[in-house]
Amino acid sequence: MIDADLRRSRLHRYYELDNEVGLTSYLLEDYPLEEVIFQTPIENLYVMPAGPTPFDPSGALNSRKFNELLQEVKQRFDIVLVDSPPILGVSDSAVIVSEVDMTLMVVQPRKLPLKALLRQKQVIESVGGNLAGVVMNNVDITSDHQYQYYTTYYSYYSADGSSSGENADASSMKKVERSGKAKELAATQSHDSEDLY
C-alpha cells in the first residue's frame, strides 16, 4: 500500500509506522526503495508511508520517477494499492488516476451531492482512468432502506429463489415484498439531482 495522500497522510498511523521517510523521500531525496517500504504485522502486507509533506505535492507526483516507482513495485508485489486524496479536492488525485491500472472510488453514502459524484467519475475518465467500481464506506445496513431493498432484490433473483413447483407461493410473496420495496425506493429517489447519495 502506497500512501500518496501527501497532504493528509494517514496510512502510517493505522500500522504504527514512522512517517519520517516514505514516498516523498524516494521521489525527492533519492532514498532506495528498500528504505521506504515497511512490513506490517499483517502477513504479506507492506506499506510505503507518504513521508514528509513536500512544498509541491502535485509536482512530486507528476514526475517520471513516480511512474517508474509504480512500474517497479508492480514487478515486486502481487497487488499495489495507492491511497489518494479526494478526487475533487486537489489535482494530485488526477495525476495518480492517470498512472494506475484502475481506480476504486470510495464513497460515504448521503455525504456528497450526486452531482459531485458524477463529477468525480468525469474527472477519472477525462484523465484516462479506468473506474473499476465503487466502495461504499460506513454503510449502516440496519437502517439503510435502499441497501435492504437491494439485498431483497438479490435474494429474489438468486439461484435459491426458484419460482416453480412447490415454491410458487413463496416466490409470489417475494414478488410482493420486492414490489413494496421498489415503491419505497422510488419514493426515496424522487428528489432532484442535488440530493445526497
N, C-alpha and C. Protein backbone atom coordinates (compact mmCIF):
# COMPACT_ATOMS: atom_id res chain seq x y z
N MET A 1 0.85 -1.18 0.00
CA MET A 1 0.00 0.00 0.00
C MET A 1 0.89 1.23 0.00
N ILE A 2 0.62 2.13 -0.94
CA ILE A 2 1.38 3.37 -1.04
C ILE A 2 0.49 4.52 -0.59
N ASP A 3 0.95 5.27 0.38
CA ASP A 3 0.20 6.44 0.83
C ASP A 3 0.61 7.62 -0.04
N ALA A 4 -0.22 7.92 -1.06
CA ALA A 4 0.07 9.02 -1.97
C ALA A 4 -0.76 10.25 -1.63
N ASP A 5 -1.38 10.26 -0.45
CA ASP A 5 -2.05 11.46 0.03
C ASP A 5 -0.99 12.29 0.75
N LEU A 6 -0.30 13.10 0.00
CA LEU A 6 0.87 13.81 0.54
C LEU A 6 0.49 15.02 1.39
N ARG A 7 -0.79 15.34 1.45
CA ARG A 7 -1.23 16.50 2.23
C ARG A 7 -1.77 16.08 3.61
N ARG A 8 -2.50 14.95 3.64
CA ARG A 8 -3.06 14.48 4.92
C ARG A 8 -2.83 12.97 5.02
N SER A 9 -1.59 12.59 5.17
CA SER A 9 -1.24 11.17 5.20
C SER A 9 -1.75 10.50 6.47
N ARG A 10 -2.21 9.25 6.30
CA ARG A 10 -2.80 8.55 7.45
C ARG A 10 -2.36 7.09 7.56
N LEU A 11 -1.96 6.48 6.48
CA LEU A 11 -1.69 5.04 6.50
C LEU A 11 -0.69 4.64 7.57
N HIS A 12 0.32 5.46 7.80
CA HIS A 12 1.34 5.09 8.79
C HIS A 12 0.74 4.98 10.19
N ARG A 13 -0.30 5.76 10.47
CA ARG A 13 -0.93 5.70 11.80
C ARG A 13 -1.63 4.36 12.02
N TYR A 14 -2.28 3.87 10.98
CA TYR A 14 -3.02 2.62 11.11
C TYR A 14 -2.10 1.45 11.45
N TYR A 15 -0.87 1.52 10.98
CA TYR A 15 0.07 0.40 11.19
C TYR A 15 1.21 0.77 12.13
N GLU A 16 1.05 1.92 12.83
CA GLU A 16 2.02 2.37 13.83
C GLU A 16 3.44 2.44 13.26
N LEU A 17 3.55 3.09 12.11
CA LEU A 17 4.84 3.26 11.45
C LEU A 17 5.27 4.72 11.54
N ASP A 18 6.57 4.94 11.45
CA ASP A 18 7.09 6.31 11.36
C ASP A 18 6.77 6.87 9.98
N ASN A 19 6.64 8.19 9.94
CA ASN A 19 6.41 8.84 8.66
C ASN A 19 7.58 9.77 8.30
N GLU A 20 8.72 9.49 8.90
CA GLU A 20 9.89 10.33 8.65
C GLU A 20 10.44 10.13 7.25
N VAL A 21 10.31 8.93 6.75
CA VAL A 21 10.69 8.66 5.36
C VAL A 21 9.53 7.92 4.69
N GLY A 22 9.45 8.06 3.38
CA GLY A 22 8.36 7.41 2.66
C GLY A 22 8.40 7.77 1.18
N LEU A 23 7.22 7.94 0.61
CA LEU A 23 7.11 8.21 -0.83
C LEU A 23 7.89 9.46 -1.24
N THR A 24 7.73 10.55 -0.49
CA THR A 24 8.42 11.78 -0.87
C THR A 24 9.94 11.64 -0.73
N SER A 25 10.38 10.82 0.20
CA SER A 25 11.82 10.58 0.35
C SER A 25 12.37 9.89 -0.89
N TYR A 26 11.58 8.96 -1.41
CA TYR A 26 12.00 8.24 -2.62
C TYR A 26 11.97 9.16 -3.85
N LEU A 27 10.91 9.97 -3.96
CA LEU A 27 10.75 10.81 -5.15
C LEU A 27 11.69 12.01 -5.17
N LEU A 28 11.94 12.60 -4.01
CA LEU A 28 12.66 13.88 -3.97
C LEU A 28 14.07 13.80 -3.39
N GLU A 29 14.35 12.74 -2.63
CA GLU A 29 15.65 12.67 -1.96
C GLU A 29 16.47 11.45 -2.35
N ASP A 30 15.99 10.69 -3.33
CA ASP A 30 16.74 9.53 -3.86
C ASP A 30 17.01 8.45 -2.82
N TYR A 31 16.07 8.25 -1.90
CA TYR A 31 16.19 7.12 -0.97
C TYR A 31 16.00 5.81 -1.76
N PRO A 32 16.71 4.75 -1.40
CA PRO A 32 16.48 3.45 -2.04
C PRO A 32 15.08 2.93 -1.69
N LEU A 33 14.50 2.17 -2.58
CA LEU A 33 13.15 1.67 -2.37
C LEU A 33 13.05 0.83 -1.09
N GLU A 34 14.10 0.07 -0.80
CA GLU A 34 14.08 -0.81 0.36
C GLU A 34 14.00 -0.03 1.67
N GLU A 35 14.38 1.24 1.66
CA GLU A 35 14.39 2.03 2.90
C GLU A 35 13.08 2.79 3.14
N VAL A 36 12.17 2.72 2.20
CA VAL A 36 10.91 3.45 2.37
C VAL A 36 9.68 2.53 2.33
N ILE A 37 9.92 1.24 2.27
CA ILE A 37 8.83 0.25 2.32
C ILE A 37 8.98 -0.56 3.60
N PHE A 38 7.89 -0.66 4.37
CA PHE A 38 7.96 -1.32 5.67
C PHE A 38 6.96 -2.47 5.76
N GLN A 39 7.39 -3.54 6.37
CA GLN A 39 6.50 -4.68 6.58
C GLN A 39 5.61 -4.39 7.78
N THR A 40 4.34 -4.79 7.67
CA THR A 40 3.39 -4.60 8.77
C THR A 40 3.21 -5.92 9.52
N PRO A 41 2.55 -5.89 10.67
CA PRO A 41 2.29 -7.14 11.39
C PRO A 41 1.40 -8.11 10.60
N ILE A 42 0.71 -7.61 9.58
CA ILE A 42 -0.14 -8.47 8.75
C ILE A 42 0.73 -9.16 7.70
N GLU A 43 0.60 -10.46 7.61
CA GLU A 43 1.45 -11.23 6.71
C GLU A 43 1.30 -10.76 5.26
N ASN A 44 2.43 -10.57 4.62
CA ASN A 44 2.48 -10.19 3.20
C ASN A 44 1.91 -8.81 2.90
N LEU A 45 1.76 -7.97 3.92
CA LEU A 45 1.29 -6.61 3.68
C LEU A 45 2.42 -5.63 3.99
N TYR A 46 2.78 -4.85 2.99
CA TYR A 46 3.84 -3.86 3.12
C TYR A 46 3.26 -2.48 2.85
N VAL A 47 3.83 -1.47 3.53
CA VAL A 47 3.32 -0.10 3.40
C VAL A 47 4.47 0.85 3.10
N MET A 48 4.21 1.74 2.14
CA MET A 48 5.11 2.87 1.90
C MET A 48 4.40 4.12 2.42
N PRO A 49 4.83 4.67 3.55
CA PRO A 49 4.20 5.88 4.07
C PRO A 49 4.39 7.05 3.10
N ALA A 50 3.68 8.13 3.35
CA ALA A 50 3.79 9.30 2.48
C ALA A 50 5.12 10.00 2.64
N GLY A 51 5.64 10.01 3.86
CA GLY A 51 6.88 10.74 4.11
C GLY A 51 6.60 12.21 4.39
N PRO A 52 7.64 13.02 4.56
CA PRO A 52 7.47 14.44 4.86
C PRO A 52 6.66 15.15 3.77
N THR A 53 5.81 16.10 4.19
CA THR A 53 4.99 16.84 3.24
C THR A 53 5.86 17.73 2.37
N PRO A 54 5.77 17.58 1.06
CA PRO A 54 6.61 18.40 0.17
C PRO A 54 6.02 19.78 -0.07
N PHE A 55 6.82 20.67 -0.61
CA PHE A 55 6.35 22.02 -0.94
C PHE A 55 5.30 21.96 -2.06
N ASP A 56 5.50 21.05 -3.02
CA ASP A 56 4.61 20.93 -4.17
C ASP A 56 4.19 19.47 -4.33
N PRO A 57 3.14 19.03 -3.62
CA PRO A 57 2.71 17.63 -3.71
C PRO A 57 2.36 17.19 -5.13
N SER A 58 1.63 18.02 -5.87
CA SER A 58 1.26 17.66 -7.23
C SER A 58 2.48 17.49 -8.12
N GLY A 59 3.45 18.38 -7.95
CA GLY A 59 4.67 18.29 -8.74
C GLY A 59 5.47 17.03 -8.43
N ALA A 60 5.47 16.63 -7.15
CA ALA A 60 6.20 15.43 -6.77
C ALA A 60 5.59 14.19 -7.42
N LEU A 61 4.27 14.16 -7.50
CA LEU A 61 3.59 13.01 -8.09
C LEU A 61 3.62 13.04 -9.61
N ASN A 62 3.57 14.23 -10.18
CA ASN A 62 3.56 14.38 -11.63
C ASN A 62 4.99 14.37 -12.16
N SER A 63 5.65 13.24 -11.94
CA SER A 63 7.06 13.14 -12.32
C SER A 63 7.34 11.77 -12.93
N ARG A 64 8.40 11.71 -13.69
CA ARG A 64 8.80 10.44 -14.30
C ARG A 64 9.15 9.43 -13.22
N LYS A 65 9.69 9.89 -12.10
CA LYS A 65 10.12 8.96 -11.05
C LYS A 65 8.93 8.27 -10.39
N PHE A 66 7.79 8.96 -10.29
CA PHE A 66 6.60 8.34 -9.72
C PHE A 66 6.12 7.22 -10.64
N ASN A 67 6.14 7.47 -11.93
CA ASN A 67 5.77 6.43 -12.90
C ASN A 67 6.72 5.25 -12.81
N GLU A 68 8.00 5.52 -12.69
CA GLU A 68 8.99 4.44 -12.56
C GLU A 68 8.79 3.65 -11.28
N LEU A 69 8.42 4.35 -10.21
CA LEU A 69 8.14 3.68 -8.94
C LEU A 69 7.00 2.68 -9.10
N LEU A 70 5.92 3.10 -9.72
CA LEU A 70 4.77 2.21 -9.91
C LEU A 70 5.15 0.99 -10.74
N GLN A 71 5.93 1.19 -11.77
CA GLN A 71 6.36 0.06 -12.60
C GLN A 71 7.22 -0.90 -11.78
N GLU A 72 8.07 -0.36 -10.92
CA GLU A 72 8.96 -1.19 -10.12
C GLU A 72 8.19 -2.02 -9.09
N VAL A 73 7.27 -1.38 -8.36
CA VAL A 73 6.55 -2.12 -7.31
C VAL A 73 5.57 -3.13 -7.93
N LYS A 74 5.09 -2.86 -9.13
CA LYS A 74 4.21 -3.83 -9.80
C LYS A 74 4.96 -5.11 -10.13
N GLN A 75 6.26 -5.01 -10.34
CA GLN A 75 7.07 -6.20 -10.61
C GLN A 75 7.41 -6.96 -9.33
N ARG A 76 7.45 -6.24 -8.21
CA ARG A 76 7.87 -6.87 -6.95
C ARG A 76 6.70 -7.41 -6.12
N PHE A 77 5.50 -6.85 -6.30
CA PHE A 77 4.36 -7.22 -5.46
C PHE A 77 3.19 -7.69 -6.33
N ASP A 78 2.36 -8.55 -5.73
CA ASP A 78 1.20 -9.09 -6.46
C ASP A 78 0.14 -8.01 -6.71
N ILE A 79 -0.16 -7.22 -5.69
CA ILE A 79 -1.17 -6.16 -5.79
C ILE A 79 -0.61 -4.90 -5.16
N VAL A 80 -0.79 -3.78 -5.82
CA VAL A 80 -0.34 -2.49 -5.29
C VAL A 80 -1.55 -1.58 -5.18
N LEU A 81 -1.84 -1.13 -3.96
CA LEU A 81 -2.93 -0.19 -3.72
C LEU A 81 -2.33 1.19 -3.43
N VAL A 82 -2.85 2.21 -4.12
CA VAL A 82 -2.36 3.57 -3.93
C VAL A 82 -3.48 4.40 -3.33
N ASP A 83 -3.26 4.89 -2.12
CA ASP A 83 -4.26 5.75 -1.46
C ASP A 83 -4.04 7.18 -1.91
N SER A 84 -5.13 7.84 -2.32
CA SER A 84 -5.00 9.20 -2.84
C SER A 84 -5.92 10.14 -2.08
N PRO A 85 -5.69 11.44 -2.21
CA PRO A 85 -6.64 12.40 -1.63
C PRO A 85 -7.93 12.42 -2.43
N PRO A 86 -8.97 13.10 -1.95
CA PRO A 86 -10.24 13.16 -2.69
C PRO A 86 -10.03 13.67 -4.11
N ILE A 87 -10.74 13.09 -5.04
CA ILE A 87 -10.52 13.38 -6.46
C ILE A 87 -10.84 14.81 -6.83
N LEU A 88 -11.80 15.45 -6.14
CA LEU A 88 -12.17 16.81 -6.48
C LEU A 88 -11.43 17.87 -5.67
N GLY A 89 -10.72 17.46 -4.65
CA GLY A 89 -10.09 18.43 -3.78
C GLY A 89 -8.87 19.09 -4.38
N VAL A 90 -7.96 18.26 -4.92
CA VAL A 90 -6.70 18.77 -5.47
C VAL A 90 -6.37 18.00 -6.74
N SER A 91 -5.38 18.49 -7.47
CA SER A 91 -5.02 17.85 -8.74
C SER A 91 -4.18 16.59 -8.54
N ASP A 92 -3.71 16.34 -7.31
CA ASP A 92 -2.87 15.16 -7.05
C ASP A 92 -3.56 13.88 -7.50
N SER A 93 -4.84 13.75 -7.19
CA SER A 93 -5.56 12.52 -7.48
C SER A 93 -5.64 12.25 -8.97
N ALA A 94 -5.85 13.31 -9.75
CA ALA A 94 -5.93 13.14 -11.21
C ALA A 94 -4.61 12.59 -11.75
N VAL A 95 -3.50 13.04 -11.18
CA VAL A 95 -2.19 12.53 -11.59
C VAL A 95 -2.08 11.04 -11.28
N ILE A 96 -2.50 10.66 -10.07
CA ILE A 96 -2.42 9.26 -9.65
C ILE A 96 -3.31 8.39 -10.53
N VAL A 97 -4.55 8.84 -10.75
CA VAL A 97 -5.51 8.09 -11.55
C VAL A 97 -4.97 7.81 -12.95
N SER A 98 -4.26 8.78 -13.51
CA SER A 98 -3.74 8.62 -14.87
C SER A 98 -2.58 7.63 -14.94
N GLU A 99 -1.99 7.29 -13.80
CA GLU A 99 -0.82 6.41 -13.78
C GLU A 99 -1.15 4.97 -13.39
N VAL A 100 -2.21 4.75 -12.65
CA VAL A 100 -2.52 3.40 -12.15
C VAL A 100 -3.36 2.62 -13.16
N ASP A 101 -3.48 1.31 -12.94
CA ASP A 101 -4.22 0.45 -13.87
C ASP A 101 -5.72 0.63 -13.75
N MET A 102 -6.21 0.81 -12.53
CA MET A 102 -7.64 1.00 -12.33
C MET A 102 -7.88 1.79 -11.05
N THR A 103 -9.10 2.33 -10.94
CA THR A 103 -9.44 3.19 -9.81
C THR A 103 -10.70 2.67 -9.12
N LEU A 104 -10.66 2.64 -7.80
CA LEU A 104 -11.84 2.35 -6.99
C LEU A 104 -12.23 3.65 -6.28
N MET A 105 -13.46 4.08 -6.48
CA MET A 105 -13.92 5.32 -5.84
C MET A 105 -14.58 4.96 -4.51
N VAL A 106 -14.05 5.52 -3.43
CA VAL A 106 -14.59 5.26 -2.09
C VAL A 106 -15.61 6.34 -1.76
N VAL A 107 -16.83 5.91 -1.44
CA VAL A 107 -17.94 6.84 -1.25
C VAL A 107 -18.61 6.57 0.09
N GLN A 108 -18.86 7.65 0.83
CA GLN A 108 -19.67 7.53 2.04
C GLN A 108 -21.08 8.01 1.70
N PRO A 109 -22.05 7.11 1.68
CA PRO A 109 -23.41 7.46 1.23
C PRO A 109 -24.00 8.63 2.01
N ARG A 110 -24.76 9.46 1.27
CA ARG A 110 -25.50 10.59 1.83
C ARG A 110 -24.59 11.67 2.43
N LYS A 111 -23.35 11.71 2.00
CA LYS A 111 -22.43 12.74 2.47
C LYS A 111 -22.00 13.68 1.34
N LEU A 112 -22.38 13.35 0.11
CA LEU A 112 -21.92 14.11 -1.03
C LEU A 112 -23.05 14.24 -2.04
N PRO A 113 -23.26 15.42 -2.63
CA PRO A 113 -24.31 15.56 -3.65
C PRO A 113 -24.04 14.64 -4.84
N LEU A 114 -25.10 14.15 -5.43
CA LEU A 114 -24.97 13.26 -6.58
C LEU A 114 -24.18 13.91 -7.70
N LYS A 115 -24.38 15.21 -7.91
CA LYS A 115 -23.64 15.90 -8.96
C LYS A 115 -22.13 15.83 -8.72
N ALA A 116 -21.72 15.89 -7.46
CA ALA A 116 -20.30 15.82 -7.14
C ALA A 116 -19.75 14.43 -7.46
N LEU A 117 -20.53 13.39 -7.19
CA LEU A 117 -20.10 12.03 -7.51
C LEU A 117 -19.96 11.85 -9.01
N LEU A 118 -20.92 12.38 -9.76
CA LEU A 118 -20.83 12.30 -11.21
C LEU A 118 -19.62 13.07 -11.73
N ARG A 119 -19.34 14.19 -11.09
CA ARG A 119 -18.17 14.98 -11.48
C ARG A 119 -16.88 14.20 -11.22
N GLN A 120 -16.83 13.48 -10.12
CA GLN A 120 -15.66 12.65 -9.83
C GLN A 120 -15.46 11.61 -10.93
N LYS A 121 -16.54 10.99 -11.33
CA LYS A 121 -16.46 9.99 -12.40
C LYS A 121 -15.95 10.63 -13.70
N GLN A 122 -16.43 11.82 -13.99
CA GLN A 122 -15.99 12.52 -15.20
C GLN A 122 -14.51 12.85 -15.15
N VAL A 123 -14.02 13.27 -13.98
CA VAL A 123 -12.60 13.60 -13.83
C VAL A 123 -11.75 12.36 -14.07
N ILE A 124 -12.16 11.24 -13.47
CA ILE A 124 -11.41 9.99 -13.64
C ILE A 124 -11.33 9.61 -15.11
N GLU A 125 -12.45 9.69 -15.81
CA GLU A 125 -12.48 9.31 -17.22
C GLU A 125 -11.73 10.31 -18.09
N SER A 126 -11.76 11.59 -17.72
CA SER A 126 -11.13 12.62 -18.55
C SER A 126 -9.61 12.52 -18.57
N VAL A 127 -9.02 11.93 -17.53
CA VAL A 127 -7.56 11.78 -17.49
C VAL A 127 -7.14 10.38 -17.92
N GLY A 128 -8.09 9.62 -18.48
CA GLY A 128 -7.77 8.28 -18.97
C GLY A 128 -7.82 7.20 -17.92
N GLY A 129 -8.45 7.49 -16.80
CA GLY A 129 -8.54 6.50 -15.74
C GLY A 129 -9.57 5.41 -16.03
N ASN A 130 -9.38 4.28 -15.41
CA ASN A 130 -10.28 3.14 -15.56
C ASN A 130 -11.03 2.95 -14.25
N LEU A 131 -12.28 3.42 -14.20
CA LEU A 131 -13.07 3.29 -12.97
C LEU A 131 -13.61 1.87 -12.88
N ALA A 132 -13.03 1.09 -11.95
CA ALA A 132 -13.38 -0.32 -11.82
C ALA A 132 -14.61 -0.54 -10.95
N GLY A 133 -14.91 0.40 -10.07
CA GLY A 133 -16.06 0.21 -9.19
C GLY A 133 -16.08 1.22 -8.07
N VAL A 134 -17.04 1.04 -7.18
CA VAL A 134 -17.25 1.96 -6.06
C VAL A 134 -17.28 1.16 -4.77
N VAL A 135 -16.58 1.65 -3.77
CA VAL A 135 -16.61 1.05 -2.43
C VAL A 135 -17.49 1.93 -1.56
N MET A 136 -18.54 1.33 -0.97
CA MET A 136 -19.43 2.07 -0.08
C MET A 136 -18.86 1.97 1.33
N ASN A 137 -18.54 3.11 1.91
CA ASN A 137 -17.91 3.15 3.22
C ASN A 137 -18.90 3.63 4.29
N ASN A 138 -18.80 3.07 5.50
CA ASN A 138 -19.65 3.47 6.62
C ASN A 138 -21.14 3.33 6.32
N VAL A 139 -21.52 2.18 5.78
CA VAL A 139 -22.93 1.91 5.50
C VAL A 139 -23.55 1.20 6.70
N ASP A 140 -24.63 1.75 7.21
CA ASP A 140 -25.36 1.13 8.31
C ASP A 140 -26.49 0.30 7.71
N ILE A 141 -26.28 -1.00 7.57
CA ILE A 141 -27.26 -1.84 6.89
C ILE A 141 -28.52 -2.06 7.72
N THR A 142 -28.48 -1.69 8.99
CA THR A 142 -29.68 -1.88 9.82
C THR A 142 -30.71 -0.78 9.57
N SER A 143 -30.26 0.36 9.03
CA SER A 143 -31.21 1.46 8.85
C SER A 143 -31.24 1.98 7.42
N ASP A 144 -30.43 1.38 6.53
CA ASP A 144 -30.38 1.85 5.16
C ASP A 144 -31.43 1.11 4.33
N HIS A 145 -32.52 1.80 3.99
CA HIS A 145 -33.63 1.16 3.28
C HIS A 145 -33.24 0.74 1.88
N GLN A 146 -32.41 1.51 1.22
CA GLN A 146 -32.01 1.15 -0.13
C GLN A 146 -31.17 -0.12 -0.11
N TYR A 147 -30.28 -0.25 0.88
CA TYR A 147 -29.47 -1.46 0.97
C TYR A 147 -30.36 -2.66 1.21
N GLN A 148 -31.36 -2.51 2.08
CA GLN A 148 -32.28 -3.61 2.35
C GLN A 148 -33.04 -4.00 1.08
N TYR A 149 -33.39 -3.00 0.28
CA TYR A 149 -34.10 -3.29 -0.96
C TYR A 149 -33.23 -4.12 -1.88
N TYR A 150 -31.97 -3.73 -2.03
CA TYR A 150 -31.11 -4.44 -2.96
C TYR A 150 -30.81 -5.86 -2.49
N THR A 151 -30.68 -6.07 -1.18
CA THR A 151 -30.46 -7.43 -0.70
C THR A 151 -31.69 -8.28 -0.94
N THR A 152 -32.89 -7.71 -0.78
CA THR A 152 -34.12 -8.44 -1.08
C THR A 152 -34.20 -8.75 -2.56
N TYR A 153 -33.85 -7.77 -3.38
CA TYR A 153 -33.86 -7.92 -4.83
C TYR A 153 -32.90 -9.04 -5.24
N TYR A 154 -31.71 -9.07 -4.62
CA TYR A 154 -30.73 -10.10 -4.95
C TYR A 154 -31.25 -11.48 -4.56
N SER A 155 -31.84 -11.60 -3.36
CA SER A 155 -32.32 -12.91 -2.92
C SER A 155 -33.45 -13.40 -3.83
N TYR A 156 -34.22 -12.48 -4.38
CA TYR A 156 -35.31 -12.86 -5.27
C TYR A 156 -34.76 -13.50 -6.54
N TYR A 157 -33.66 -12.97 -7.06
CA TYR A 157 -33.10 -13.47 -8.30
C TYR A 157 -31.97 -14.48 -8.11
N SER A 158 -31.70 -14.85 -6.86
CA SER A 158 -30.63 -15.82 -6.62
C SER A 158 -31.08 -17.20 -7.04
N ALA A 159 -30.13 -18.13 -7.10
CA ALA A 159 -30.42 -19.49 -7.56
C ALA A 159 -31.44 -20.18 -6.67
N ASP A 160 -31.46 -19.82 -5.38
CA ASP A 160 -32.38 -20.45 -4.44
C ASP A 160 -33.80 -19.92 -4.59
N GLY A 161 -33.95 -18.79 -5.27
CA GLY A 161 -35.27 -18.18 -5.37
C GLY A 161 -36.08 -18.73 -6.52
N SER A 162 -36.20 -20.05 -6.59
CA SER A 162 -36.95 -20.68 -7.67
C SER A 162 -38.42 -20.33 -7.59
N SER A 163 -39.07 -20.17 -8.77
CA SER A 163 -40.48 -19.79 -8.78
C SER A 163 -41.36 -20.91 -9.33
N SER A 164 -40.84 -22.13 -9.37
CA SER A 164 -41.62 -23.22 -9.93
C SER A 164 -42.02 -24.20 -8.85
N GLY A 165 -43.05 -25.01 -9.15
CA GLY A 165 -43.45 -26.11 -8.26
C GLY A 165 -43.91 -25.63 -6.91
N GLU A 166 -43.44 -26.32 -5.87
CA GLU A 166 -43.92 -26.07 -4.52
C GLU A 166 -43.46 -24.74 -3.97
N ASN A 167 -42.51 -24.09 -4.64
CA ASN A 167 -42.03 -22.79 -4.17
C ASN A 167 -42.78 -21.63 -4.79
N ALA A 168 -43.84 -21.91 -5.54
CA ALA A 168 -44.54 -20.85 -6.25
C ALA A 168 -45.13 -19.82 -5.29
N ASP A 169 -45.74 -20.30 -4.17
CA ASP A 169 -46.34 -19.37 -3.23
C ASP A 169 -45.29 -18.47 -2.60
N ALA A 170 -44.16 -19.07 -2.22
CA ALA A 170 -43.09 -18.29 -1.62
C ALA A 170 -42.56 -17.28 -2.62
N SER A 171 -42.48 -17.70 -3.90
CA SER A 171 -42.00 -16.79 -4.93
C SER A 171 -42.95 -15.61 -5.10
N SER A 172 -44.25 -15.88 -5.03
CA SER A 172 -45.23 -14.80 -5.15
C SER A 172 -45.08 -13.82 -4.01
N MET A 173 -44.83 -14.35 -2.81
CA MET A 173 -44.65 -13.48 -1.67
C MET A 173 -43.41 -12.61 -1.85
N LYS A 174 -42.36 -13.19 -2.43
CA LYS A 174 -41.15 -12.42 -2.68
C LYS A 174 -41.43 -11.31 -3.67
N LYS A 175 -42.26 -11.61 -4.68
CA LYS A 175 -42.59 -10.59 -5.67
C LYS A 175 -43.32 -9.43 -5.02
N VAL A 176 -44.25 -9.75 -4.13
CA VAL A 176 -44.99 -8.70 -3.44
C VAL A 176 -44.06 -7.86 -2.59
N GLU A 177 -43.15 -8.57 -1.86
CA GLU A 177 -42.21 -7.86 -1.00
C GLU A 177 -41.29 -6.97 -1.83
N ARG A 178 -40.81 -7.51 -2.97
CA ARG A 178 -39.93 -6.73 -3.83
C ARG A 178 -40.67 -5.53 -4.39
N SER A 179 -41.94 -5.72 -4.74
CA SER A 179 -42.72 -4.62 -5.29
C SER A 179 -42.87 -3.50 -4.27
N GLY A 180 -43.12 -3.88 -3.00
CA GLY A 180 -43.24 -2.88 -1.94
C GLY A 180 -41.94 -2.13 -1.74
N LYS A 181 -40.82 -2.86 -1.77
CA LYS A 181 -39.53 -2.23 -1.60
C LYS A 181 -39.21 -1.32 -2.79
N ALA A 182 -39.63 -1.75 -3.98
CA ALA A 182 -39.38 -0.93 -5.16
C ALA A 182 -40.10 0.41 -5.05
N LYS A 183 -41.36 0.37 -4.56
CA LYS A 183 -42.10 1.62 -4.37
C LYS A 183 -41.43 2.50 -3.34
N GLU A 184 -40.95 1.86 -2.27
CA GLU A 184 -40.28 2.62 -1.20
C GLU A 184 -39.01 3.27 -1.74
N LEU A 185 -38.25 2.50 -2.56
CA LEU A 185 -37.03 3.04 -3.14
C LEU A 185 -37.35 4.19 -4.09
N ALA A 186 -38.37 4.02 -4.91
CA ALA A 186 -38.75 5.06 -5.85
C ALA A 186 -39.11 6.35 -5.11
N ALA A 187 -39.77 6.20 -3.97
CA ALA A 187 -40.17 7.38 -3.20
C ALA A 187 -38.95 8.12 -2.67
N THR A 188 -37.92 7.34 -2.26
CA THR A 188 -36.72 7.99 -1.72
C THR A 188 -35.87 8.61 -2.81
N GLN A 189 -36.08 8.19 -4.07
CA GLN A 189 -35.26 8.69 -5.16
C GLN A 189 -36.00 9.72 -6.01
N SER A 190 -37.11 10.23 -5.53
CA SER A 190 -37.91 11.14 -6.33
C SER A 190 -37.47 12.59 -6.19
N HIS A 191 -36.31 12.81 -5.53
CA HIS A 191 -35.81 14.16 -5.36
C HIS A 191 -34.99 14.57 -6.58
N ASP A 192 -34.56 15.81 -6.62
CA ASP A 192 -33.78 16.26 -7.77
C ASP A 192 -32.33 15.81 -7.63
N SER A 193 -31.51 16.18 -8.63
CA SER A 193 -30.16 15.68 -8.70
C SER A 193 -29.24 16.25 -7.63
N GLU A 194 -29.70 17.21 -6.85
CA GLU A 194 -28.86 17.76 -5.79
C GLU A 194 -28.91 16.92 -4.52
N ASP A 195 -29.76 15.89 -4.51
CA ASP A 195 -29.89 15.04 -3.31
C ASP A 195 -28.56 14.42 -2.96
N LEU A 196 -28.39 14.12 -1.69
CA LEU A 196 -27.20 13.41 -1.27
C LEU A 196 -27.34 11.96 -1.66
N TYR A 197 -26.22 11.38 -2.05
CA TYR A 197 -26.22 9.96 -2.47
C TYR A 197 -26.21 9.08 -1.25
